[in-house]
C-alpha atoms as a PDB file:
ATOM      1  CA  MET A   1     138.954  16.961  46.135  1.00  0.00           C
ATOM      2  CA  THR A   2     137.456  13.533  48.262  1.00  0.00           C
ATOM      3  CA  SER A   3     139.553  10.563  48.710  1.00  0.00           C
ATOM      4  CA  GLU A   4     137.764   8.322  45.555  1.00  0.00           C
ATOM      5  CA  ASP A   5     137.938  12.111  43.166  1.00  0.00           C
ATOM      6  CA  ARG A   6     142.007  10.477  43.906  1.00  0.00           C
ATOM      7  CA  LEU A   7     140.775   7.834  43.340  1.00  0.00           C
ATOM      8  CA  HIS A   8     140.283   8.138  40.434  1.00  0.00           C
ATOM      9  CA  LEU A   9     143.342  10.510  39.819  1.00  0.00           C
ATOM     10  CA  LEU A  10     144.856   7.319  39.599  1.00  0.00           C
ATOM     11  CA  ALA A  11     142.958   5.629  38.362  1.00  0.00           C
ATOM     12  CA  LEU A  12     144.019   7.158  35.427  1.00  0.00           C
ATOM     13  CA  CYS A  13     147.097   6.873  35.574  1.00  0.00           C
ATOM     14  CA  ALA A  14     146.831   3.250  35.574  1.00  0.00           C
ATOM     15  CA  LEU A  15     145.772   2.601  31.875  1.00  0.00           C
ATOM     16  CA  PRO A  16     148.048   1.868  28.728  1.00  0.00           C
ATOM     17  CA  GLY A  17     149.424   4.716  26.912  1.00  0.00           C
ATOM     18  CA  VAL A  18     148.307   7.222  28.993  1.00  0.00           C
ATOM     19  CA  SER A  19     150.709  10.162  29.653  1.00  0.00           C
ATOM     20  CA  TRP A  20     150.691  11.355  33.727  1.00  0.00           C
ATOM     21  CA  TYR A  21     152.674  14.774  32.520  1.00  0.00           C
ATOM     22  CA  ALA A  22     149.255  15.036  30.348  1.00  0.00           C
ATOM     23  CA  VAL A  23     146.557  13.910  33.453  1.00  0.00           C
ATOM     24  CA  ALA A  24     148.488  16.219  35.414  1.00  0.00           C
ATOM     25  CA  ARG A  25     147.790  19.424  33.033  1.00  0.00           C
ATOM     26  CA  ALA A  26     144.528  18.127  32.338  1.00  0.00           C
ATOM     27  CA  ALA A  27     143.156  17.348  36.022  1.00  0.00           C
ATOM     28  CA  LEU A  28     143.758  21.088  37.298  1.00  0.00           C
ATOM     29  CA  GLU A  29     141.694  22.937  33.763  1.00  0.00           C
ATOM     30  CA  PRO A  30     137.496  24.003  35.254  1.00  0.00           C
ATOM     31  CA  ASP A  31     136.158  20.383  35.743  1.00  0.00           C
ATOM     32  CA  GLY A  32     139.200  18.322  34.686  1.00  0.00           C
ATOM     33  CA  LEU A  33     138.903  15.625  36.063  1.00  0.00           C
ATOM     34  CA  GLU A  34     134.592  14.971  35.438  1.00  0.00           C
ATOM     35  CA  ARG A  35     136.059  15.757  31.249  1.00  0.00           C
ATOM     36  CA  LEU A  36     138.758  13.475  31.448  1.00  0.00           C
ATOM     37  CA  LEU A  37     136.638  11.018  33.062  1.00  0.00           C
ATOM     38  CA  ARG A  38     134.544  11.221  30.097  1.00  0.00           C
ATOM     39  CA  GLY A  39     137.906  11.087  28.079  1.00  0.00           C
ATOM     40  CA  GLU A  40     137.721  14.525  26.481  1.00  0.00           C
ATOM     41  CA  GLN A  41     139.904  15.856  25.423  1.00  0.00           C
ATOM     42  CA  THR A  42     141.525  18.842  27.789  1.00  0.00           C
ATOM     43  CA  GLU A  43     144.885  20.494  25.824  1.00  0.00           C
ATOM     44  CA  LYS A  44     145.364  20.251  22.498  1.00  0.00           C
ATOM     45  CA  SER A  45     148.223  18.854  22.108  1.00  0.00           C
ATOM     46  CA  THR A  46     149.963  15.629  20.679  1.00  0.00           C
ATOM     47  CA  GLU A  47     150.695  14.118  23.980  1.00  0.00           C
ATOM     48  CA  GLY A  48     147.445  14.869  25.618  1.00  0.00           C
ATOM     49  CA  GLU A  49     145.398  13.591  22.492  1.00  0.00           C
ATOM     50  CA  ALA A  50     147.041  10.309  22.406  1.00  0.00           C
ATOM     51  CA  THR A  51     145.724  10.335  26.291  1.00  0.00           C
ATOM     52  CA  ALA A  52     142.534  11.485  25.531  1.00  0.00           C
ATOM     53  CA  VAL A  53     141.969   8.009  23.027  1.00  0.00           C
ATOM     54  CA  ALA A  54     143.981   6.026  26.159  1.00  0.00           C
ATOM     55  CA  ILE A  55     141.139   7.217  28.246  1.00  0.00           C
ATOM     56  CA  ARG A  56     138.275   6.576  26.337  1.00  0.00           C
ATOM     57  CA  GLU A  57     140.159   2.817  25.320  1.00  0.00           C
ATOM     58  CA  GLY A  58     140.533   2.377  29.055  1.00  0.00           C
ATOM     59  CA  LEU A  59     137.427   3.299  30.407  1.00  0.00           C
ATOM     60  CA  GLY A  60     136.028   0.282  31.002  1.00  0.00           C
ATOM     61  CA  GLU A  61     138.517  -1.218  33.059  1.00  0.00           C
ATOM     62  CA  LEU A  62     138.421   1.841  35.154  1.00  0.00           C
ATOM     63  CA  ARG A  63     136.761   0.364  37.628  1.00  0.00           C
ATOM     64  CA  GLU A  64     139.196  -2.883  37.817  1.00  0.00           C
ATOM     65  CA  HIS A  65     141.153  -0.085  38.450  1.00  0.00           C
ATOM     66  CA  VAL A  66     139.721   2.623  40.763  1.00  0.00           C
ATOM     67  CA  ASP A  67     140.372  -1.043  43.093  1.00  0.00           C
ATOM     68  CA  ARG A  68     143.645  -1.272  42.389  1.00  0.00           C
ATOM     69  CA  ALA A  69     144.197   2.531  43.964  1.00  0.00           C
ATOM     70  CA  ARG A  70     142.137   1.126  47.169  1.00  0.00           C
ATOM     71  CA  ARG A  71     144.035  -1.368  47.441  1.00  0.00           C
ATOM     72  CA  GLU A  72     147.557   0.873  47.302  1.00  0.00           C
ATOM     73  CA  VAL A  73     147.197   3.308  48.912  1.00  0.00           C
ATOM     74  CA  LEU A  74     145.761   1.160  52.034  1.00  0.00           C
ATOM     75  CA  ALA A  75     148.576  -0.908  51.631  1.00  0.00           C
ATOM     76  CA  ALA A  76     151.245   1.953  51.945  1.00  0.00           C
ATOM     77  CA  GLU A  77     148.847   3.952  54.650  1.00  0.00           C
ATOM     78  CA  GLU A  78     148.505   0.286  56.742  1.00  0.00           C
ATOM     79  CA  ARG A  79     152.091  -0.507  56.324  1.00  0.00           C
ATOM     80  CA  VAL A  80     154.601   2.773  56.712  1.00  0.00           C
ATOM     81  CA  GLY A  81     152.015   5.416  57.280  1.00  0.00           C
ATOM     82  CA  ALA A  82     152.110   6.896  54.303  1.00  0.00           C
ATOM     83  CA  LYS A  83     149.591   9.096  52.540  1.00  0.00           C
ATOM     84  CA  LEU A  84     148.651  10.495  49.026  1.00  0.00           C
ATOM     85  CA  VAL A  85     148.589  14.596  48.059  1.00  0.00           C
ATOM     86  CA  THR A  86     146.881  14.789  44.504  1.00  0.00           C
ATOM     87  CA  VAL A  87     147.435  18.189  42.191  1.00  0.00           C
ATOM     88  CA  LEU A  88     144.412  19.255  42.294  1.00  0.00           C
ATOM     89  CA  ASP A  89     145.472  19.357  46.850  1.00  0.00           C
ATOM     90  CA  GLU A  90     146.156  22.584  48.400  1.00  0.00           C
ATOM     91  CA  ASP A  91     149.288  20.734  50.391  1.00  0.00           C
ATOM     92  CA  TYR A  92     150.283  19.626  47.178  1.00  0.00           C
ATOM     93  CA  PRO A  93     154.415  21.205  46.631  1.00  0.00           C
ATOM     94  CA  ALA A  94     154.654  24.626  45.817  1.00  0.00           C
ATOM     95  CA  ASN A  95     157.659  25.026  43.322  1.00  0.00           C
ATOM     96  CA  LEU A  96     156.627  21.306  41.587  1.00  0.00           C
ATOM     97  CA  ARG A  97     152.837  23.116  40.970  1.00  0.00           C
ATOM     98  CA  LEU A  98     154.958  24.690  38.572  1.00  0.00           C
ATOM     99  CA  ILE A  99     157.231  23.024  36.627  1.00  0.00           C
ATOM    100  CA  PHE A 100     155.223  21.338  33.068  1.00  0.00           C
ATOM    101  CA  ASN A 101     155.659  17.945  33.786  1.00  0.00           C
ATOM    102  CA  LEU A 102     153.923  18.009  36.734  1.00  0.00           C
ATOM    103  CA  PRO A 103     153.252  14.173  38.227  1.00  0.00           C
ATOM    104  CA  PRO A 104     149.834  14.019  39.223  1.00  0.00           C
ATOM    105  CA  PHE A 105     150.316  12.444  42.448  1.00  0.00           C
ATOM    106  CA  LEU A 106     152.649  11.397  45.114  1.00  0.00           C
ATOM    107  CA  PHE A 107     152.786   9.439  48.293  1.00  0.00           C
ATOM    108  CA  TYR A 108     155.402  10.297  51.242  1.00  0.00           C
ATOM    109  CA  ARG A 109     156.133   9.229  54.330  1.00  0.00           C
ATOM    110  CA  GLY A 110     156.764  12.569  56.888  1.00  0.00           C
ATOM    111  CA  GLU A 111     155.158  15.594  56.805  1.00  0.00           C
ATOM    112  CA  LEU A 112     154.872  18.401  53.890  1.00  0.00           C
ATOM    113  CA  ARG A 113     155.784  21.451  55.374  1.00  0.00           C
ATOM    114  CA  ARG A 114     155.036  24.851  52.911  1.00  0.00           C
ATOM    115  CA  ASP A 115     158.506  26.284  54.258  1.00  0.00           C
ATOM    116  CA  ASP A 116     159.259  23.707  51.401  1.00  0.00           C
ATOM    117  CA  ALA A 117     159.389  26.491  49.149  1.00  0.00           C
ATOM    118  CA  ARG A 118     162.612  27.514  50.306  1.00  0.00           C
ATOM    119  CA  SER A 119     164.700  24.563  49.160  1.00  0.00           C
ATOM    120  CA  VAL A 120     167.165  23.458  47.525  1.00  0.00           C
ATOM    121  CA  ALA A 121     168.582  20.031  46.237  1.00  0.00           C
ATOM    122  CA  VAL A 122     172.160  18.856  46.217  1.00  0.00           C
ATOM    123  CA  VAL A 123     172.874  16.166  43.752  1.00  0.00           C
ATOM    124  CA  GLY A 124     175.615  13.748  42.157  1.00  0.00           C
ATOM    125  CA  THR A 125     177.601  10.599  41.155  1.00  0.00           C
ATOM    126  CA  ARG A 126     177.151   7.524  43.196  1.00  0.00           C
ATOM    127  CA  LYS A 127     180.799   6.957  43.074  1.00  0.00           C
ATOM    128  CA  PRO A 128     182.480  10.369  44.099  1.00  0.00           C
ATOM    129  CA  SER A 129     185.723  11.274  45.316  1.00  0.00           C
ATOM    130  CA  ASN A 130     186.714  11.453  48.730  1.00  0.00           C
ATOM    131  CA  GLU A 131     186.814  15.172  48.148  1.00  0.00           C
ATOM    132  CA  GLY A 132     183.081  14.995  46.285  1.00  0.00           C
ATOM    133  CA  VAL A 133     181.865  13.679  49.104  1.00  0.00           C
ATOM    134  CA  ALA A 134     183.135  16.909  52.204  1.00  0.00           C
ATOM    135  CA  ARG A 135     181.426  19.139  49.367  1.00  0.00           C
ATOM    136  CA  GLY A 136     178.592  17.434  49.084  1.00  0.00           C
ATOM    137  CA  ARG A 137     178.466  17.141  53.235  1.00  0.00           C
ATOM    138  CA  LYS A 138     180.431  20.938  53.608  1.00  0.00           C
ATOM    139  CA  MET A 139     177.086  22.377  50.985  1.00  0.00           C
ATOM    140  CA  ALA A 140     174.525  20.462  52.170  1.00  0.00           C
ATOM    141  CA  SER A 141     175.133  21.165  56.183  1.00  0.00           C
ATOM    142  CA  ALA A 142     176.183  25.185  55.054  1.00  0.00           C
ATOM    143  CA  LEU A 143     172.380  25.118  53.637  1.00  0.00           C
ATOM    144  CA  VAL A 144     171.000  23.949  56.518  1.00  0.00           C
ATOM    145  CA  GLY A 145     172.467  26.899  58.792  1.00  0.00           C
ATOM    146  CA  GLU A 146     170.593  28.765  56.744  1.00  0.00           C
ATOM    147  CA  GLY A 147     167.597  27.221  57.166  1.00  0.00           C
ATOM    148  CA  VAL A 148     166.757  25.957  53.561  1.00  0.00           C
ATOM    149  CA  THR A 149     166.061  22.094  52.962  1.00  0.00           C
ATOM    150  CA  VAL A 150     167.833  19.598  50.969  1.00  0.00           C
ATOM    151  CA  LEU A 151     165.988  17.986  48.347  1.00  0.00           C
ATOM    152  CA  SER A 152     168.484  14.421  47.769  1.00  0.00           C
ATOM    153  CA  GLY A 153     167.551  11.437  45.595  1.00  0.00           C
ATOM    154  CA  LEU A 154     168.453   8.960  48.435  1.00  0.00           C
ATOM    155  CA  ALA A 155     170.974   7.158  46.486  1.00  0.00           C
ATOM    156  CA  ALA A 156     174.873   6.743  47.060  1.00  0.00           C
ATOM    157  CA  GLY A 157     177.801   8.588  46.785  1.00  0.00           C
ATOM    158  CA  ILE A 158     176.584  12.006  46.964  1.00  0.00           C
ATOM    159  CA  ASP A 159     173.171  11.963  48.078  1.00  0.00           C
ATOM    160  CA  THR A 160     173.447  10.131  51.004  1.00  0.00           C
ATOM    161  CA  ALA A 161     176.033  12.651  51.939  1.00  0.00           C
ATOM    162  CA  ALA A 162     174.047  15.230  51.464  1.00  0.00           C
ATOM    163  CA  HIS A 163     170.894  13.935  53.654  1.00  0.00           C
ATOM    164  CA  GLU A 164     173.307  12.323  56.288  1.00  0.00           C
ATOM    165  CA  ALA A 165     174.808  16.109  56.893  1.00  0.00           C
ATOM    166  CA  THR A 166     171.818  17.411  56.885  1.00  0.00           C
ATOM    167  CA  LEU A 167     170.108  15.460  59.167  1.00  0.00           C
ATOM    168  CA  GLU A 168     173.592  15.469  61.284  1.00  0.00           C
ATOM    169  CA  ALA A 169     173.724  19.673  61.650  1.00  0.00           C
ATOM    170  CA  GLY A 170     169.949  18.935  63.212  1.00  0.00           C
ATOM    171  CA  GLY A 171     168.257  20.337  59.508  1.00  0.00           C
ATOM    172  CA  ARG A 172     164.992  19.282  57.617  1.00  0.00           C
ATOM    173  CA  THR A 173     166.064  16.455  54.675  1.00  0.00           C
ATOM    174  CA  ILE A 174     163.377  15.257  51.522  1.00  0.00           C
ATOM    175  CA  ALA A 175     164.650  11.937  49.662  1.00  0.00           C
ATOM    176  CA  VAL A 176     163.369  11.517  46.066  1.00  0.00           C
ATOM    177  CA  THR A 177     163.248   8.275  45.988  1.00  0.00           C
ATOM    178  CA  GLY A 178     163.070   6.124  42.176  1.00  0.00           C
ATOM    179  CA  THR A 179     160.911   3.199  43.486  1.00  0.00           C
ATOM    180  CA  GLY A 180     157.236   3.472  45.118  1.00  0.00           C
ATOM    181  CA  ILE A 181     157.030   4.509  48.433  1.00  0.00           C
ATOM    182  CA  LEU A 182     156.632   0.402  50.189  1.00  0.00           C
ATOM    183  CA  ARG A 183     160.529  -0.046  48.922  1.00  0.00           C
ATOM    184  CA  THR A 184     164.516   1.795  50.135  1.00  0.00           C
ATOM    185  CA  TYR A 185     166.478   1.619  46.925  1.00  0.00           C
ATOM    186  CA  PRO A 186     169.300   1.242  47.802  1.00  0.00           C
ATOM    187  CA  ALA A 187     168.574  -1.447  49.880  1.00  0.00           C
ATOM    188  CA  GLU A 188     171.594  -0.109  52.010  1.00  0.00           C
ATOM    189  CA  ASN A 189     170.083   3.763  52.864  1.00  0.00           C
ATOM    190  CA  LYS A 190     166.621   1.767  54.416  1.00  0.00           C
ATOM    191  CA  GLN A 191     167.713   2.995  57.913  1.00  0.00           C
ATOM    192  CA  LEU A 192     168.867   6.173  56.496  1.00  0.00           C
ATOM    193  CA  ALA A 193     165.382   6.301  55.343  1.00  0.00           C
ATOM    194  CA  GLN A 194     163.550   5.640  58.388  1.00  0.00           C
ATOM    195  CA  ARG A 195     166.472   8.316  59.658  1.00  0.00           C
ATOM    196  CA  ILE A 196     164.181  10.904  57.067  1.00  0.00           C
ATOM    197  CA  ALA A 197     161.342  10.512  57.179  1.00  0.00           C
ATOM    198  CA  GLU A 198     160.794  10.966  61.657  1.00  0.00           C
ATOM    199  CA  THR A 199     162.702  14.894  61.125  1.00  0.00           C
ATOM    200  CA  GLY A 200     161.566  15.684  57.279  1.00  0.00           C
ATOM    201  CA  VAL A 201     159.380  13.153  54.668  1.00  0.00           C
ATOM    202  CA  ILE A 202     160.133  11.135  52.045  1.00  0.00           C
ATOM    203  CA  VAL A 203     158.261  11.438  48.543  1.00  0.00           C
ATOM    204  CA  SER A 204     157.485   8.938  45.822  1.00  0.00           C
ATOM    205  CA  GLN A 205     155.502   9.780  42.518  1.00  0.00           C
ATOM    206  CA  PHE A 206     155.214   5.939  41.616  1.00  0.00           C
ATOM    207  CA  TRP A 207     152.607   3.551  42.717  1.00  0.00           C
ATOM    208  CA  PRO A 208     153.527   1.542  46.298  1.00  0.00           C
ATOM    209  CA  THR A 209     155.270  -1.198  44.796  1.00  0.00           C
ATOM    210  CA  GLN A 210     156.291   0.134  42.049  1.00  0.00           C
ATOM    211  CA  PRO A 211     160.399  -1.809  41.851  1.00  0.00           C
ATOM    212  CA  PRO A 212     163.572   0.043  40.874  1.00  0.00           C
ATOM    213  CA  ALA A 213     163.412   0.095  36.987  1.00  0.00           C
ATOM    214  CA  ARG A 214     164.579   1.689  33.910  1.00  0.00           C
ATOM    215  CA  HIS A 215     162.593   4.681  33.682  1.00  0.00           C
ATOM    216  CA  THR A 216     161.212   5.672  37.616  1.00  0.00           C
ATOM    217  CA  PHE A 217     165.549   7.228  37.739  1.00  0.00           C
ATOM    218  CA  PRO A 218     164.871   9.810  35.229  1.00  0.00           C
ATOM    219  CA  ARG A 219     161.763  10.701  36.200  1.00  0.00           C
ATOM    220  CA  ARG A 220     162.825  10.424  39.967  1.00  0.00           C
ATOM    221  CA  ASN A 221     165.273  13.344  38.559  1.00  0.00           C
ATOM    222  CA  VAL A 222     162.294  15.311  37.229  1.00  0.00           C
ATOM    223  CA  VAL A 223     160.872  15.787  41.480  1.00  0.00           C
ATOM    224  CA  THR A 224     163.863  16.088  42.875  1.00  0.00           C
ATOM    225  CA  SER A 225     164.536  18.747  40.512  1.00  0.00           C
ATOM    226  CA  GLY A 226     160.496  20.538  40.383  1.00  0.00           C
ATOM    227  CA  MET A 227     160.457  19.717  44.137  1.00  0.00           C
ATOM    228  CA  SER A 228     163.393  22.700  44.699  1.00  0.00           C
ATOM    229  CA  GLN A 229     164.953  26.038  43.194  1.00  0.00           C
ATOM    230  CA  GLY A 230     167.510  24.953  42.004  1.00  0.00           C
ATOM    231  CA  THR A 231     170.097  22.299  41.764  1.00  0.00           C
ATOM    232  CA  VAL A 232     173.451  21.871  42.978  1.00  0.00           C
ATOM    233  CA  VAL A 233     175.703  19.578  41.535  1.00  0.00           C
ATOM    234  CA  ILE A 234     178.497  19.183  43.047  1.00  0.00           C
ATOM    235  CA  GLU A 235     179.974  15.531  40.979  1.00  0.00           C
ATOM    236  CA  ALA A 236     178.877  14.769  37.839  1.00  0.00           C
ATOM    237  CA  SER A 237     179.903  12.686  34.286  1.00  0.00           C
ATOM    238  CA  LYS A 238     178.668  14.103  31.084  1.00  0.00           C
ATOM    239  CA  THR A 239     176.128  10.546  31.285  1.00  0.00           C
ATOM    240  CA  SER A 240     175.421  11.213  34.969  1.00  0.00           C
ATOM    241  CA  GLY A 241     172.353  11.775  36.348  1.00  0.00           C
ATOM    242  CA  ALA A 242     173.196  14.184  37.739  1.00  0.00           C
ATOM    243  CA  LYS A 243     173.694  16.470  34.842  1.00  0.00           C
ATOM    244  CA  MET A 244     170.157  14.935  33.327  1.00  0.00           C
ATOM    245  CA  GLN A 245     168.908  17.318  36.753  1.00  0.00           C
ATOM    246  CA  ALA A 246     170.630  19.794  35.976  1.00  0.00           C
ATOM    247  CA  ARG A 247     169.797  20.375  32.497  1.00  0.00           C
ATOM    248  CA  LEU A 248     165.844  19.128  34.205  1.00  0.00           C
ATOM    249  CA  ALA A 249     166.775  22.261  36.474  1.00  0.00           C
ATOM    250  CA  LEU A 250     167.009  25.144  33.219  1.00  0.00           C
ATOM    251  CA  GLN A 251     164.341  23.561  31.565  1.00  0.00           C
ATOM    252  CA  HIS A 252     162.055  24.305  35.136  1.00  0.00           C
ATOM    253  CA  GLY A 253     163.345  28.490  34.544  1.00  0.00           C
ATOM    254  CA  LYS A 254     165.092  26.781  37.939  1.00  0.00           C
ATOM    255  CA  LEU A 255     168.484  27.830  38.443  1.00  0.00           C
ATOM    256  CA  ALA A 256     170.933  25.185  37.992  1.00  0.00           C
ATOM    257  CA  PHE A 257     174.408  26.353  40.670  1.00  0.00           C
ATOM    258  CA  LEU A 258     177.489  24.347  40.119  1.00  0.00           C
ATOM    259  CA  VAL A 259     180.034  24.216  41.948  1.00  0.00           C
ATOM    260  CA  GLU A 260     183.737  25.414  40.372  1.00  0.00           C
ATOM    261  CA  SER A 261     184.927  22.073  41.244  1.00  0.00           C
ATOM    262  CA  LEU A 262     183.228  20.800  38.966  1.00  0.00           C
ATOM    263  CA  VAL A 263     182.875  23.611  36.261  1.00  0.00           C
ATOM    264  CA  THR A 264     186.790  23.445  36.279  1.00  0.00           C
ATOM    265  CA  SER A 265     186.904  19.624  35.614  1.00  0.00           C
ATOM    266  CA  GLN A 266     183.870  18.827  33.425  1.00  0.00           C
ATOM    267  CA  PRO A 267     183.241  21.003  29.413  1.00  0.00           C
ATOM    268  CA  TRP A 268     179.497  20.347  30.095  1.00  0.00           C
ATOM    269  CA  ALA A 269     179.720  21.988  33.106  1.00  0.00           C
ATOM    270  CA  ALA A 270     181.487  24.800  31.516  1.00  0.00           C
ATOM    271  CA  ASP A 271     178.942  24.681  28.455  1.00  0.00           C
ATOM    272  CA  TYR A 272     176.034  25.096  30.259  1.00  0.00           C
ATOM    273  CA  LEU A 273     177.666  28.883  31.448  1.00  0.00           C
ATOM    274  CA  GLU A 274     177.975  29.853  28.060  1.00  0.00           C
ATOM    275  CA  LYS A 275     174.811  29.015  27.045  1.00  0.00           C
ATOM    276  CA  TYR A 276     172.446  29.473  30.135  1.00  0.00           C
ATOM    277  CA  PRO A 277     171.842  32.420  31.971  1.00  0.00           C
ATOM    278  CA  ARG A 278     170.101  29.979  35.008  1.00  0.00           C
ATOM    279  CA  ALA A 279     173.122  28.148  35.294  1.00  0.00           C
ATOM    280  CA  VAL A 280     175.029  29.959  38.261  1.00  0.00           C
ATOM    281  CA  ARG A 281     178.915  29.293  38.885  1.00  0.00           C
ATOM    282  CA  VAL A 282     179.248  28.117  42.877  1.00  0.00           C
ATOM    283  CA  ARG A 283     182.649  28.785  45.151  1.00  0.00           C
ATOM    284  CA  GLU A 284     180.564  29.835  48.693  1.00  0.00           C
ATOM    285  CA  VAL A 285     177.373  28.767  49.672  1.00  0.00           C
ATOM    286  CA  GLN A 286     176.285  32.728  49.672  1.00  0.00           C
ATOM    287  CA  GLU A 287     176.245  32.195  45.353  1.00  0.00           C
ATOM    288  CA  VAL A 288     172.898  30.121  46.521  1.00  0.00           C
ATOM    289  CA  ILE A 289     171.506  31.783  49.417  1.00  0.00           C
ATOM    290  CA  ASP A 290     171.219  34.861  47.401  1.00  0.00           C
ATOM    291  CA  ARG A 291     169.030  33.987  44.663  1.00  0.00           C
ATOM    292  CA  LEU A 292     166.690  31.576  46.607  1.00  0.00           C
ATOM    293  CA  ARG A 293     162.933  33.054  47.143  1.00  0.00           C
ATOM    294  CA  SER A 294     161.026  32.863  50.400  1.00  0.00           C
ATOM    295  CA  PRO A 295     158.478  30.165  50.800  1.00  0.00           C
ATOM    296  CA  GLU A 296     155.242  33.515  50.648  1.00  0.00           C
ATOM    297  CA  THR A 297     156.962  34.032  47.069  1.00  0.00           C
ATOM    298  CA  VAL A 298     156.629  30.817  46.169  1.00  0.00           C
ATOM    299  CA  GLU A 299     153.647  29.876  46.895  1.00  0.00           C
ATOM    300  CA  THR A 300     151.795  33.472  45.725  1.00  0.00           C
ATOM    301  CA  VAL A 301     153.403  32.690  42.517  1.00  0.00           C
ATOM    302  CA  SER A 302     151.766  28.511  42.478  1.00  0.00           C
ATOM    303  CA  GLU A 303     148.830  29.147  43.627  1.00  0.00           C
ATOM    304  CA  GLY A 304     148.478  32.402  41.171  1.00  0.00           C
ATOM    305  CA  ARG A 305     149.394  29.368  37.931  1.00  0.00           C
ATOM    306  CA  ARG A 306     147.033  27.624  40.089  1.00  0.00           C
ATOM    307  CA  GLN A 307     144.117  29.120  39.869  1.00  0.00           C
ATOM    308  CA  LEU A 308     145.297  30.804  36.303  1.00  0.00           C
ATOM    309  CA  ALA A 309     144.766  26.924  34.442  1.00  0.00           C
ATOM    310  CA  LEU A 310     141.354  26.700  36.862  1.00  0.00           C
ATOM    311  CA  SER A 311     140.116  29.800  35.230  1.00  0.00           C
ATOM    312  CA  LEU A 312     140.555  29.392  31.433  1.00  0.00           C
END
């Protein structure tokens, strides 16, 4: 994919009324990007049809959006050394390619690696108990001991504990942010973010200058689930974003690992275990490890999905 193709893909996402997920799916089809740029409908869904209409109505503004995309890509590179990867690039994360609501592009600081396909998200409330923090740290450290990449959302509370414990154990962690790559939220995690970028990777699915907003954090959860093979929930109320991510993991066909203390204290967690075969009660880390696939297996499935899309 050429740099101009990448800019055109970003520009399409800047058009009002366009579904980014529909753009990502359509771009994977044969000549998908070219058809999108002509405003042709590429999937028979309400979302796809609305996106095609929005593109046709906005084609006259596309050049200015390409110019904006160029400026933002350059700013991300010059200010924080961030890079851009799109759904059409081979180094797009393999796990993420398997979900239905995959983002069309990612900005990232650090290095994307193929062995990150063997990864697990560790998430929980922003206001955890002391026991919850200890459980999150123990889970992250144990996963590092098994060579697993630990993902989380850079939020206060359990997310911060998981990132810090992973770094202290000499492991690799990925922070999926709810802002653009040029921002850090919460601000007190700026130093932590820098440490993560040095040995792992920080990922954002937004324009580099995007500030935190109500809609950005649910979308962040989509990527955190999508980039992992499953999500471990440490502590989360029925209204928590961590519960939302467990639900997303199940919708993505991934695993929702619910720790024992969560199951016994939160009715929603016990309910998930009864309703969903891919919800797993976890008493020790080995119950997570035993269910993970190798990076090679994930790569094979991901590439097969990509080739199928391109051949349809």
